[in-house]
């Protein structure tokens, strides 16, 4: 004579849905922080590049104008990086906040 065990309450779908929402919020906050920090760090002449820095719908930070020339330099101009340093500065807080997600209270 055998027996059978069944899971009658499965929280996995609800938990994964909640984690996806939380992860999206953490990612959006990090991208906004990167964009804000990049606006502070970018070299300003006319302000066009600084004013173009924004989070785009593809989950990245977008920069128009002379952004790529400032970030990487040219053969006639040295690099004045701002986006890379902004990302590096936000990376630690993003990792900590993302790790803290796993300490969510039970559903």
PDB file of N, CA and C in Angstrom:
ATOM      1  N   UNK A   1       0.841  -1.164   0.000  1.00  0.00           N
ATOM      2  CA  UNK A   1       0.000   0.000   0.000  1.00  0.00           C
ATOM      3  C   UNK A   1       0.900   1.246   0.000  1.00  0.00           C
ATOM      4  N   UNK A   2       0.713   2.118  -0.977  1.00  0.00           N
ATOM      5  CA  UNK A   2       1.529   3.321  -1.111  1.00  0.00           C
ATOM      6  C   UNK A   2       0.761   4.564  -0.692  1.00  0.00           C
ATOM      7  N   UNK A   3       1.382   5.672  -0.858  1.00  0.00           N
ATOM      8  CA  UNK A   3       0.710   6.938  -0.576  1.00  0.00           C
ATOM      9  C   UNK A   3       1.155   7.955  -1.617  1.00  0.00           C
ATOM     10  N   UNK A   4       0.434   9.064  -1.681  1.00  0.00           N
ATOM     11  CA  UNK A   4       0.688  10.108  -2.672  1.00  0.00           C
ATOM     12  C   UNK A   4       0.708  11.460  -1.976  1.00  0.00           C
ATOM     13  N   UNK A   5       1.645  12.301  -2.365  1.00  0.00           N
ATOM     14  CA  UNK A   5       1.708  13.661  -1.829  1.00  0.00           C
ATOM     15  C   UNK A   5       1.434  14.624  -2.976  1.00  0.00           C
ATOM     16  N   UNK A   6       0.617  15.622  -2.736  1.00  0.00           N
ATOM     17  CA  UNK A   6       0.280  16.618  -3.748  1.00  0.00           C
ATOM     18  C   UNK A   6       0.540  18.017  -3.197  1.00  0.00           C
ATOM     19  N   UNK A   7       1.002  18.884  -4.088  1.00  0.00           N
ATOM     20  CA  UNK A   7       1.122  20.293  -3.720  1.00  0.00           C
ATOM     21  C   UNK A   7      -0.232  20.927  -3.970  1.00  0.00           C
ATOM     22  N   UNK A   8      -0.837  21.438  -2.927  1.00  0.00           N
ATOM     23  CA  UNK A   8      -2.161  22.034  -3.081  1.00  0.00           C
ATOM     24  C   UNK A   8      -2.098  23.554  -3.062  1.00  0.00           C
ATOM     25  N   UNK A   9      -0.940  24.100  -2.722  1.00  0.00           N
ATOM     26  CA  UNK A   9      -0.788  25.554  -2.706  1.00  0.00           C
ATOM     27  C   UNK A   9       0.570  25.876  -3.300  1.00  0.00           C
ATOM     28  N   UNK A  10       0.571  26.319  -4.539  1.00  0.00           N
ATOM     29  CA  UNK A  10       1.800  26.586  -5.265  1.00  0.00           C
ATOM     30  C   UNK A  10       2.001  28.097  -5.373  1.00  0.00           C
ATOM     31  N   UNK A  11       3.001  28.628  -4.670  1.00  0.00           N
ATOM     32  CA  UNK A  11       3.248  30.072  -4.696  1.00  0.00           C
ATOM     33  C   UNK A  11       4.253  30.477  -5.772  1.00  0.00           C
ATOM     34  N   UNK A  12       4.805  29.509  -6.490  1.00  0.00           N
ATOM     35  CA  UNK A  12       5.854  29.830  -7.461  1.00  0.00           C
ATOM     36  C   UNK A  12       5.384  30.815  -8.529  1.00  0.00           C
ATOM     37  N   UNK A  13       4.235  30.630  -9.177  1.00  0.00           N
ATOM     38  CA  UNK A  13       3.825  31.616 -10.187  1.00  0.00           C
ATOM     39  C   UNK A  13       3.654  33.022  -9.613  1.00  0.00           C
ATOM     40  N   UNK A  14       3.052  33.134  -8.446  1.00  0.00           N
ATOM     41  CA  UNK A  14       2.856  34.442  -7.815  1.00  0.00           C
ATOM     42  C   UNK A  14       4.198  35.063  -7.408  1.00  0.00           C
ATOM     43  N   UNK A  15       5.082  34.238  -6.899  1.00  0.00           N
ATOM     44  CA  UNK A  15       6.395  34.718  -6.485  1.00  0.00           C
ATOM     45  C   UNK A  15       7.199  35.217  -7.690  1.00  0.00           C
ATOM     46  N   UNK A  16       7.223  34.470  -8.781  1.00  0.00           N
ATOM     47  CA  UNK A  16       7.994  34.896  -9.955  1.00  0.00           C
ATOM     48  C   UNK A  16       7.406  36.163 -10.567  1.00  0.00           C
ATOM     49  N   UNK A  17       6.089  36.277 -10.573  1.00  0.00           N
ATOM     50  CA  UNK A  17       5.465  37.503 -11.090  1.00  0.00           C
ATOM     51  C   UNK A  17       5.871  38.699 -10.233  1.00  0.00           C
ATOM     52  N   UNK A  18       5.858  38.518  -8.937  1.00  0.00           N
ATOM     53  CA  UNK A  18       6.242  39.601  -8.014  1.00  0.00           C
ATOM     54  C   UNK A  18       7.712  39.964  -8.196  1.00  0.00           C
ATOM     55  N   UNK A  19       8.555  38.972  -8.361  1.00  0.00           N
ATOM     56  CA  UNK A  19       9.983  39.230  -8.551  1.00  0.00           C
ATOM     57  C   UNK A  19      10.231  39.978  -9.863  1.00  0.00           C
ATOM     58  N   UNK A  20       9.490  39.646 -10.915  1.00  0.00           N
ATOM     59  CA  UNK A  20       9.653  40.353 -12.186  1.00  0.00           C
ATOM     60  C   UNK A  20       9.289  41.827 -12.042  1.00  0.00           C
ATOM     61  N   UNK A  21       8.214  42.105 -11.328  1.00  0.00           N
ATOM     62  CA  UNK A  21       7.806  43.496 -11.098  1.00  0.00           C
ATOM     63  C   UNK A  21       8.875  44.222 -10.283  1.00  0.00           C
ATOM     64  N   UNK A  22       9.344  43.590  -9.224  1.00  0.00           N
ATOM     65  CA  UNK A  22      10.370  44.194  -8.373  1.00  0.00           C
ATOM     66  C   UNK A  22      11.663  44.430  -9.159  1.00  0.00           C
ATOM     67  N   UNK A  23      12.061  43.457  -9.973  1.00  0.00           N
ATOM     68  CA  UNK A  23      13.298  43.591 -10.756  1.00  0.00           C
ATOM     69  C   UNK A  23      13.187  44.748 -11.749  1.00  0.00           C
ATOM     70  N   UNK A  24      12.028  44.903 -12.377  1.00  0.00           N
ATOM     71  CA  UNK A  24      11.830  46.020 -13.304  1.00  0.00           C
ATOM     72  C   UNK A  24      11.942  47.369 -12.591  1.00  0.00           C
ATOM     73  N   UNK A  25      11.385  47.458 -11.398  1.00  0.00           N
ATOM     74  CA  UNK A  25      11.473  48.708 -10.632  1.00  0.00           C
ATOM     75  C   UNK A  25      12.909  49.025 -10.245  1.00  0.00           C
ATOM     76  N   UNK A  26      13.645  48.021  -9.819  1.00  0.00           N
ATOM     77  CA  UNK A  26      15.052  48.222  -9.447  1.00  0.00           C
ATOM     78  C   UNK A  26      15.848  48.672 -10.668  1.00  0.00           C
ATOM     79  N   UNK A  27      15.611  48.034 -11.800  1.00  0.00           N
ATOM     80  CA  UNK A  27      16.327  48.382 -13.029  1.00  0.00           C
ATOM     81  C   UNK A  27      16.002  49.810 -13.462  1.00  0.00           C
ATOM     82  N   UNK A  28      14.734  50.192 -13.404  1.00  0.00           N
ATOM     83  CA  UNK A  28      14.349  51.549 -13.801  1.00  0.00           C
ATOM     84  C   UNK A  28      14.967  52.596 -12.884  1.00  0.00           C
ATOM     85  N   UNK A  29      14.998  52.320 -11.583  1.00  0.00           N
ATOM     86  CA  UNK A  29      15.637  53.261 -10.654  1.00  0.00           C
ATOM     87  C   UNK A  29      17.126  53.395 -10.960  1.00  0.00           C
ATOM     88  N   UNK A  30      17.775  52.293 -11.261  1.00  0.00           N
ATOM     89  CA  UNK A  30      19.211  52.339 -11.578  1.00  0.00           C
ATOM     90  C   UNK A  30      19.453  53.147 -12.844  1.00  0.00           C
ATOM     91  N   UNK A  31      18.634  52.940 -13.871  1.00  0.00           N
ATOM     92  CA  UNK A  31      18.804  53.691 -15.117  1.00  0.00           C
ATOM     93  C   UNK A  31      18.572  55.185 -14.899  1.00  0.00           C
ATOM     94  N   UNK A  32      17.565  55.535 -14.110  1.00  0.00           N
ATOM     95  CA  UNK A  32      17.326  56.950 -13.807  1.00  0.00           C
ATOM     96  C   UNK A  32      18.503  57.547 -13.043  1.00  0.00           C
ATOM     97  N   UNK A  33      19.078  56.768 -12.122  1.00  0.00           N
ATOM     98  CA  UNK A  33      20.240  57.241 -11.372  1.00  0.00           C
ATOM     99  C   UNK A  33      21.457  57.423 -12.279  1.00  0.00           C
ATOM    100  N   UNK A  34      21.635  56.513 -13.228  1.00  0.00           N
ATOM    101  CA  UNK A  34      22.745  56.637 -14.184  1.00  0.00           C
ATOM    102  C   UNK A  34      22.566  57.893 -15.027  1.00  0.00           C
ATOM    103  N   UNK A  35      21.360  58.103 -15.533  1.00  0.00           N
ATOM    104  CA  UNK A  35      21.102  59.286 -16.366  1.00  0.00           C
ATOM    105  C   UNK A  35      21.330  60.566 -15.565  1.00  0.00           C
ATOM    106  N   UNK A  36      20.853  60.607 -14.335  1.00  0.00           N
ATOM    107  CA  UNK A  36      21.029  61.803 -13.503  1.00  0.00           C
ATOM    108  C   UNK A  36      22.507  62.055 -13.223  1.00  0.00           C
ATOM    109  N   UNK A  37      23.237  61.011 -12.910  1.00  0.00           N
ATOM    110  CA  UNK A  37      24.665  61.168 -12.615  1.00  0.00           C
ATOM    111  C   UNK A  37      25.420  61.572 -13.881  1.00  0.00           C
ATOM    112  N   UNK A  38      25.058  61.015 -15.037  1.00  0.00           N
ATOM    113  CA  UNK A  38      25.705  61.379 -16.298  1.00  0.00           C
ATOM    114  C   UNK A  38      25.479  62.857 -16.614  1.00  0.00           C
ATOM    115  N   UNK A  39      24.277  63.367 -16.326  1.00  0.00           N
ATOM    116  CA  UNK A  39      24.000  64.795 -16.543  1.00  0.00           C
ATOM    117  C   UNK A  39      24.896  65.678 -15.681  1.00  0.00           C
ATOM    118  N   UNK A  40      25.243  65.187 -14.491  1.00  0.00           N
ATOM    119  CA  UNK A  40      26.132  65.940 -13.608  1.00  0.00           C
ATOM    120  C   UNK A  40      27.587  65.881 -14.085  1.00  0.00           C
ATOM    121  N   UNK A  41      27.978  64.761 -14.692  1.00  0.00           N
ATOM    122  CA  UNK A  41      29.378  64.547 -15.052  1.00  0.00           C
ATOM    123  C   UNK A  41      29.757  65.043 -16.450  1.00  0.00           C
ATOM    124  N   UNK A  42      28.776  65.167 -17.345  1.00  0.00           N
ATOM    125  CA  UNK A  42      29.093  65.495 -18.736  1.00  0.00           C
ATOM    126  C   UNK A  42      29.683  66.893 -18.854  1.00  0.00           C
ATOM    127  N   UNK A  43      30.645  67.027 -19.738  1.00  0.00           N
ATOM    128  CA  UNK A  43      31.248  68.332 -20.019  1.00  0.00           C
ATOM    129  C   UNK A  43      30.223  69.171 -20.778  1.00  0.00           C
ATOM    130  N   UNK A  44      30.014  70.401 -20.339  1.00  0.00           N
ATOM    131  CA  UNK A  44      28.952  71.234 -20.913  1.00  0.00           C
ATOM    132  C   UNK A  44      29.543  72.432 -21.650  1.00  0.00           C
ATOM    133  N   UNK A  45      29.103  72.592 -22.902  1.00  0.00           N
ATOM    134  CA  UNK A  45      29.404  73.792 -23.680  1.00  0.00           C
ATOM    135  C   UNK A  45      28.072  74.497 -23.917  1.00  0.00           C
ATOM    136  N   UNK A  46      27.234  73.904 -24.776  1.00  0.00           N
ATOM    137  CA  UNK A  46      25.920  74.492 -25.037  1.00  0.00           C
ATOM    138  C   UNK A  46      24.829  73.872 -24.152  1.00  0.00           C
ATOM    139  N   UNK A  47      25.095  72.687 -23.592  1.00  0.00           N
ATOM    140  CA  UNK A  47      24.096  71.986 -22.788  1.00  0.00           C
ATOM    141  C   UNK A  47      23.263  71.007 -23.598  1.00  0.00           C
ATOM    142  N   UNK A  48      23.474  70.960 -24.911  1.00  0.00           N
ATOM    143  CA  UNK A  48      22.682  70.081 -25.777  1.00  0.00           C
ATOM    144  C   UNK A  48      22.856  68.614 -25.393  1.00  0.00           C
ATOM    145  N   UNK A  49      24.096  68.181 -25.202  1.00  0.00           N
ATOM    146  CA  UNK A  49      24.335  66.780 -24.842  1.00  0.00           C
ATOM    147  C   UNK A  49      23.759  66.478 -23.471  1.00  0.00           C
ATOM    148  N   UNK A  50      24.020  67.339 -22.492  1.00  0.00           N
ATOM    149  CA  UNK A  50      23.491  67.130 -21.141  1.00  0.00           C
ATOM    150  C   UNK A  50      21.967  66.997 -21.176  1.00  0.00           C
ATOM    151  N   UNK A  51      21.315  67.874 -21.912  1.00  0.00           N
ATOM    152  CA  UNK A  51      19.855  67.872 -21.957  1.00  0.00           C
ATOM    153  C   UNK A  51      19.286  66.684 -22.730  1.00  0.00           C
ATOM    154  N   UNK A  52      20.123  66.013 -23.518  1.00  0.00           N
ATOM    155  CA  UNK A  52      19.639  64.871 -24.306  1.00  0.00           C
ATOM    156  C   UNK A  52      19.733  63.549 -23.546  1.00  0.00           C
ATOM    157  N   UNK A  53      20.392  63.538 -22.406  1.00  0.00           N
ATOM    158  CA  UNK A  53      20.589  62.286 -21.658  1.00  0.00           C
ATOM    159  C   UNK A  53      19.271  61.879 -21.013  1.00  0.00           C
ATOM    160  N   UNK A  54      18.777  60.695 -21.398  1.00  0.00           N
ATOM    161  CA  UNK A  54      17.513  60.203 -20.842  1.00  0.00           C
ATOM    162  C   UNK A  54      17.424  58.687 -20.926  1.00  0.00           C
ATOM    163  N   UNK A  55      16.552  58.127 -20.125  1.00  0.00           N
ATOM    164  CA  UNK A  55      16.280  56.692 -20.166  1.00  0.00           C
ATOM    165  C   UNK A  55      15.341  56.455 -21.335  1.00  0.00           C
ATOM    166  N   UNK A  56      15.691  55.499 -22.186  1.00  0.00           N
ATOM    167  CA  UNK A  56      14.823  55.205 -23.318  1.00  0.00           C
ATOM    168  C   UNK A  56      13.939  53.990 -23.032  1.00  0.00           C
ATOM    169  N   UNK A  57      13.033  53.717 -23.934  1.00  0.00           N
ATOM    170  CA  UNK A  57      12.091  52.606 -23.751  1.00  0.00           C
ATOM    171  C   UNK A  57      12.727  51.239 -23.939  1.00  0.00           C
ATOM    172  N   UNK A  58      13.944  51.204 -24.433  1.00  0.00           N
ATOM    173  CA  UNK A  58      14.645  49.935 -24.628  1.00  0.00           C
ATOM    174  C   UNK A  58      15.490  49.565 -23.418  1.00  0.00           C
ATOM    175  N   UNK A  59      15.210  50.176 -22.283  1.00  0.00           N
ATOM    176  CA  UNK A  59      15.903  49.877 -21.033  1.00  0.00           C
ATOM    177  C   UNK A  59      17.372  50.253 -21.063  1.00  0.00           C
ATOM    178  N   UNK A  60      17.664  51.420 -21.594  1.00  0.00           N
ATOM    179  CA  UNK A  60      19.029  51.917 -21.620  1.00  0.00           C
ATOM    180  C   UNK A  60      19.032  53.419 -21.424  1.00  0.00           C
ATOM    181  N   UNK A  61      20.219  53.986 -21.347  1.00  0.00           N
ATOM    182  CA  UNK A  61      20.365  55.431 -21.258  1.00  0.00           C
ATOM    183  C   UNK A  61      20.829  55.918 -22.622  1.00  0.00           C
ATOM    184  N   UNK A  62      20.104  56.862 -23.155  1.00  0.00           N
ATOM    185  CA  UNK A  62      20.356  57.381 -24.499  1.00  0.00           C
ATOM    186  C   UNK A  62      20.983  58.766 -24.411  1.00  0.00           C
ATOM    187  N   UNK A  63      21.956  59.018 -25.299  1.00  0.00           N
ATOM    188  CA  UNK A  63      22.623  60.317 -25.350  1.00  0.00           C
ATOM    189  C   UNK A  63      22.710  60.744 -26.807  1.00  0.00           C
ATOM    190  N   UNK A  64      22.258  61.944 -27.095  1.00  0.00           N
ATOM    191  CA  UNK A  64      22.326  62.476 -28.462  1.00  0.00           C
ATOM    192  C   UNK A  64      23.452  63.498 -28.541  1.00  0.00           C
ATOM    193  N   UNK A  65      23.471  64.236 -29.632  1.00  0.00           N
ATOM    194  CA  UNK A  65      24.462  65.294 -29.786  1.00  0.00           C
ATOM    195  C   UNK A  65      25.867  64.751 -29.869  1.00  0.00           C
ATOM    196  N   UNK A  66      26.767  65.420 -29.213  1.00  0.00           N
ATOM    197  CA  UNK A  66      28.186  65.064 -29.261  1.00  0.00           C
ATOM    198  C   UNK A  66      28.546  64.020 -28.215  1.00  0.00           C
ATOM    199  N   UNK A  67      27.567  63.350 -27.653  1.00  0.00           N
ATOM    200  CA  UNK A  67      27.798  62.401 -26.566  1.00  0.00           C
ATOM    201  C   UNK A  67      28.869  61.374 -26.835  1.00  0.00           C
ATOM    202  N   UNK A  68      28.815  60.718 -27.990  1.00  0.00           N
ATOM    203  CA  UNK A  68      29.807  59.666 -28.253  1.00  0.00           C
ATOM    204  C   UNK A  68      31.202  60.252 -28.414  1.00  0.00           C
ATOM    205  N   UNK A  69      31.309  61.470 -28.948  1.00  0.00           N
ATOM    206  CA  UNK A  69      32.624  62.095 -29.094  1.00  0.00           C
ATOM    207  C   UNK A  69      33.186  62.501 -27.737  1.00  0.00           C
ATOM    208  N   UNK A  70      32.321  62.978 -26.853  1.00  0.00           N
ATOM    209  CA  UNK A  70      32.761  63.321 -25.504  1.00  0.00           C
ATOM    210  C   UNK A  70      33.176  62.065 -24.736  1.00  0.00           C
ATOM    211  N   UNK A  71      32.378  61.032 -24.839  1.00  0.00           N
ATOM    212  CA  UNK A  71      32.643  59.800 -24.095  1.00  0.00           C
ATOM    213  C   UNK A  71      33.943  59.129 -24.542  1.00  0.00           C
ATOM    214  N   UNK A  72      34.161  59.058 -25.855  1.00  0.00           N
ATOM    215  CA  UNK A  72      35.294  58.287 -26.377  1.00  0.00           C
ATOM    216  C   UNK A  72      36.419  59.137 -26.962  1.00  0.00           C
ATOM    217  N   UNK A  73      36.178  60.405 -27.225  1.00  0.00           N
ATOM    218  CA  UNK A  73      37.181  61.267 -27.821  1.00  0.00           C
ATOM    219  C   UNK A  73      37.254  61.071 -29.334  1.00  0.00           C
ATOM    220  N   UNK A  74      38.078  61.870 -29.962  1.00  0.00           N
ATOM    221  CA  UNK A  74      38.324  61.772 -31.401  1.00  0.00           C
ATOM    222  C   UNK A  74      39.829  61.896 -31.615  1.00  0.00           C
ATOM    223  N   UNK A  75      40.266  61.863 -32.848  1.00  0.00           N
ATOM    224  CA  UNK A  75      41.699  62.035 -33.085  1.00  0.00           C
ATOM    225  C   UNK A  75      42.138  63.462 -32.791  1.00  0.00           C
ATOM    226  N   UNK A  76      41.178  64.378 -32.711  1.00  0.00           N
ATOM    227  CA  UNK A  76      41.502  65.782 -32.443  1.00  0.00           C
ATOM    228  C   UNK A  76      41.093  66.242 -31.038  1.00  0.00           C
ATOM    229  N   UNK A  77      40.452  65.352 -30.281  1.00  0.00           N
ATOM    230  CA  UNK A  77      39.936  65.750 -28.969  1.00  0.00           C
ATOM    231  C   UNK A  77      40.062  64.572 -27.999  1.00  0.00           C
ATOM    232  N   UNK A  78      40.523  64.817 -26.798  1.00  0.00           N
ATOM    233  CA  UNK A  78      40.590  63.721 -25.817  1.00  0.00           C
ATOM    234  C   UNK A  78      39.184  63.325 -25.352  1.00  0.00           C
ATOM    235  N   UNK A  79      39.108  62.155 -24.784  1.00  0.00           N
ATOM    236  CA  UNK A  79      37.840  61.683 -24.229  1.00  0.00           C
ATOM    237  C   UNK A  79      37.534  62.415 -22.923  1.00  0.00           C
ATOM    238  N   UNK A  80      36.254  62.705 -22.735  1.00  0.00           N
ATOM    239  CA  UNK A  80      35.741  63.244 -21.480  1.00  0.00           C
ATOM    240  C   UNK A  80      34.606  62.327 -21.026  1.00  0.00           C
ATOM    241  N   UNK A  81      34.949  61.120 -20.558  1.00  0.00           N
ATOM    242  CA  UNK A  81      33.917  60.130 -20.230  1.00  0.00           C
ATOM    243  C   UNK A  81      32.969  60.611 -19.133  1.00  0.00           C
ATOM    244  N   UNK A  82      31.705  60.301 -19.316  1.00  0.00           N
ATOM    245  CA  UNK A  82      30.683  60.649 -18.333  1.00  0.00           C
ATOM    246  C   UNK A  82      29.698  59.513 -18.132  1.00  0.00           C
ATOM    247  N   UNK A  83      29.352  58.801 -19.195  1.00  0.00           N
ATOM    248  CA  UNK A  83      28.363  57.725 -19.081  1.00  0.00           C
ATOM    249  C   UNK A  83      28.965  56.492 -18.412  1.00  0.00           C
ATOM    250  N   UNK A  84      30.173  56.125 -18.794  1.00  0.00           N
ATOM    251  CA  UNK A  84      30.849  54.995 -18.148  1.00  0.00           C
ATOM    252  C   UNK A  84      31.056  55.235 -16.664  1.00  0.00           C
ATOM    253  N   UNK A  85      31.615  56.393 -16.282  1.00  0.00           N
ATOM    254  CA  UNK A  85      31.765  56.671 -14.848  1.00  0.00           C
ATOM    255  C   UNK A  85      30.429  56.726 -14.100  1.00  0.00           C
ATOM    256  N   UNK A  86      29.397  57.262 -14.732  1.00  0.00           N
ATOM    257  CA  UNK A  86      28.077  57.309 -14.079  1.00  0.00           C
ATOM    258  C   UNK A  86      27.572  55.895 -13.819  1.00  0.00           C
ATOM    259  N   UNK A  87      27.755  55.017 -14.792  1.00  0.00           N
ATOM    260  CA  UNK A  87      27.329  53.624 -14.641  1.00  0.00           C
ATOM    261  C   UNK A  87      28.111  52.949 -13.520  1.00  0.00           C
ATOM    262  N   UNK A  88      29.411  53.167 -13.487  1.00  0.00           N
ATOM    263  CA  UNK A  88      30.242  52.574 -12.431  1.00  0.00           C
ATOM    264  C   UNK A  88      29.813  53.047 -11.051  1.00  0.00           C
ATOM    265  N   UNK A  89      29.455  54.314 -10.943  1.00  0.00           N
ATOM    266  CA  UNK A  89      29.062  54.871  -9.648  1.00  0.00           C
ATOM    267  C   UNK A  89      27.730  54.316  -9.153  1.00  0.00           C
ATOM    268  N   UNK A  90      26.848  53.945 -10.070  1.00  0.00           N
ATOM    269  CA  UNK A  90      25.524  53.432  -9.694  1.00  0.00           C
ATOM    270  C   UNK A  90      25.538  51.916  -9.520  1.00  0.00           C
ATOM    271  N   UNK A  91      26.534  51.257 -10.083  1.00  0.00           N
ATOM    272  CA  UNK A  91      26.575  49.795 -10.110  1.00  0.00           C
ATOM    273  C   UNK A  91      26.460  49.157  -8.728  1.00  0.00           C
ATOM    274  N   UNK A  92      27.176  49.670  -7.756  1.00  0.00           N
ATOM    275  CA  UNK A  92      27.175  49.065  -6.426  1.00  0.00           C
ATOM    276  C   UNK A  92      25.804  49.159  -5.754  1.00  0.00           C
ATOM    277  N   UNK A  93      25.168  50.327  -5.845  1.00  0.00           N
ATOM    278  CA  UNK A  93      23.849  50.469  -5.217  1.00  0.00           C
ATOM    279  C   UNK A  93      22.809  49.628  -5.941  1.00  0.00           C
ATOM    280  N   UNK A  94      22.951  49.492  -7.276  1.00  0.00           N
ATOM    281  CA  UNK A  94      22.042  48.644  -8.038  1.00  0.00           C
ATOM    282  C   UNK A  94      22.186  47.193  -7.589  1.00  0.00           C
ATOM    283  N   UNK A  95      23.414  46.716  -7.478  1.00  0.00           N
ATOM    284  CA  UNK A  95      23.645  45.326  -7.066  1.00  0.00           C
ATOM    285  C   UNK A  95      23.093  45.075  -5.670  1.00  0.00           C
ATOM    286  N   UNK A  96      23.280  46.031  -4.764  1.00  0.00           N
ATOM    287  CA  UNK A  96      22.776  45.864  -3.402  1.00  0.00           C
ATOM    288  C   UNK A  96      21.252  45.839  -3.373  1.00  0.00           C
ATOM    289  N   UNK A  97      20.632  46.722  -4.129  1.00  0.00           N
ATOM    290  CA  UNK A  97      19.162  46.763  -4.152  1.00  0.00           C
ATOM    291  C   UNK A  97      18.599  45.507  -4.809  1.00  0.00           C
ATOM    292  N   UNK A  98      19.255  45.044  -5.864  1.00  0.00           N
ATOM    293  CA  UNK A  98      18.797  43.828  -6.540  1.00  0.00           C
ATOM    294  C   UNK A  98      18.920  42.624  -5.605  1.00  0.00           C
ATOM    295  N   UNK A  99      20.021  42.539  -4.887  1.00  0.00           N
ATOM    296  CA  UNK A  99      20.207  41.433  -3.938  1.00  0.00           C
ATOM    297  C   UNK A  99      19.179  41.495  -2.817  1.00  0.00           C
ATOM    298  N   UNK A 100      18.827  42.703  -2.382  1.00  0.00           N
ATOM    299  CA  UNK A 100      17.852  42.861  -1.302  1.00  0.00           C
ATOM    300  C   UNK A 100      16.458  42.371  -1.712  1.00  0.00           C
ATOM    301  N   UNK A 101      16.195  42.329  -3.021  1.00  0.00           N
ATOM    302  CA  UNK A 101      14.888  41.826  -3.487  1.00  0.00           C
ATOM    303  C   UNK A 101      14.612  40.423  -2.979  1.00  0.00           C
ATOM    304  N   UNK A 102      15.644  39.620  -2.854  1.00  0.00           N
ATOM    305  CA  UNK A 102      15.460  38.218  -2.480  1.00  0.00           C
ATOM    306  C   UNK A 102      15.104  38.075  -1.010  1.00  0.00           C
ATOM    307  N   UNK A 103      15.109  39.140  -0.265  1.00  0.00           N
ATOM    308  CA  UNK A 103      14.716  39.114   1.134  1.00  0.00           C
ATOM    309  C   UNK A 103      13.269  39.525   1.326  1.00  0.00           C
ATOM    310  N   UNK A 104      12.471  39.379   0.279  1.00  0.00           N
ATOM    311  CA  UNK A 104      11.051  39.736   0.361  1.00  0.00           C
ATOM    312  C   UNK A 104      10.334  38.869   1.385  1.00  0.00           C
ATOM    313  N   UNK A 105       9.379  39.451   2.034  1.00  0.00           N
ATOM    314  CA  UNK A 105       8.569  38.685   2.990  1.00  0.00           C
ATOM    315  C   UNK A 105       7.775  37.624   2.235  1.00  0.00           C
ATOM    316  N   UNK A 106       7.393  36.608   2.924  1.00  0.00           N
ATOM    317  CA  UNK A 106       6.619  35.524   2.304  1.00  0.00           C
ATOM    318  C   UNK A 106       5.324  36.078   1.732  1.00  0.00           C
ATOM    319  N   UNK A 107       4.927  35.526   0.634  1.00  0.00           N
ATOM    320  CA  UNK A 107       3.705  35.972  -0.052  1.00  0.00           C
ATOM    321  C   UNK A 107       2.486  35.450   0.687  1.00  0.00           C
TER     322      UNK A 107
END
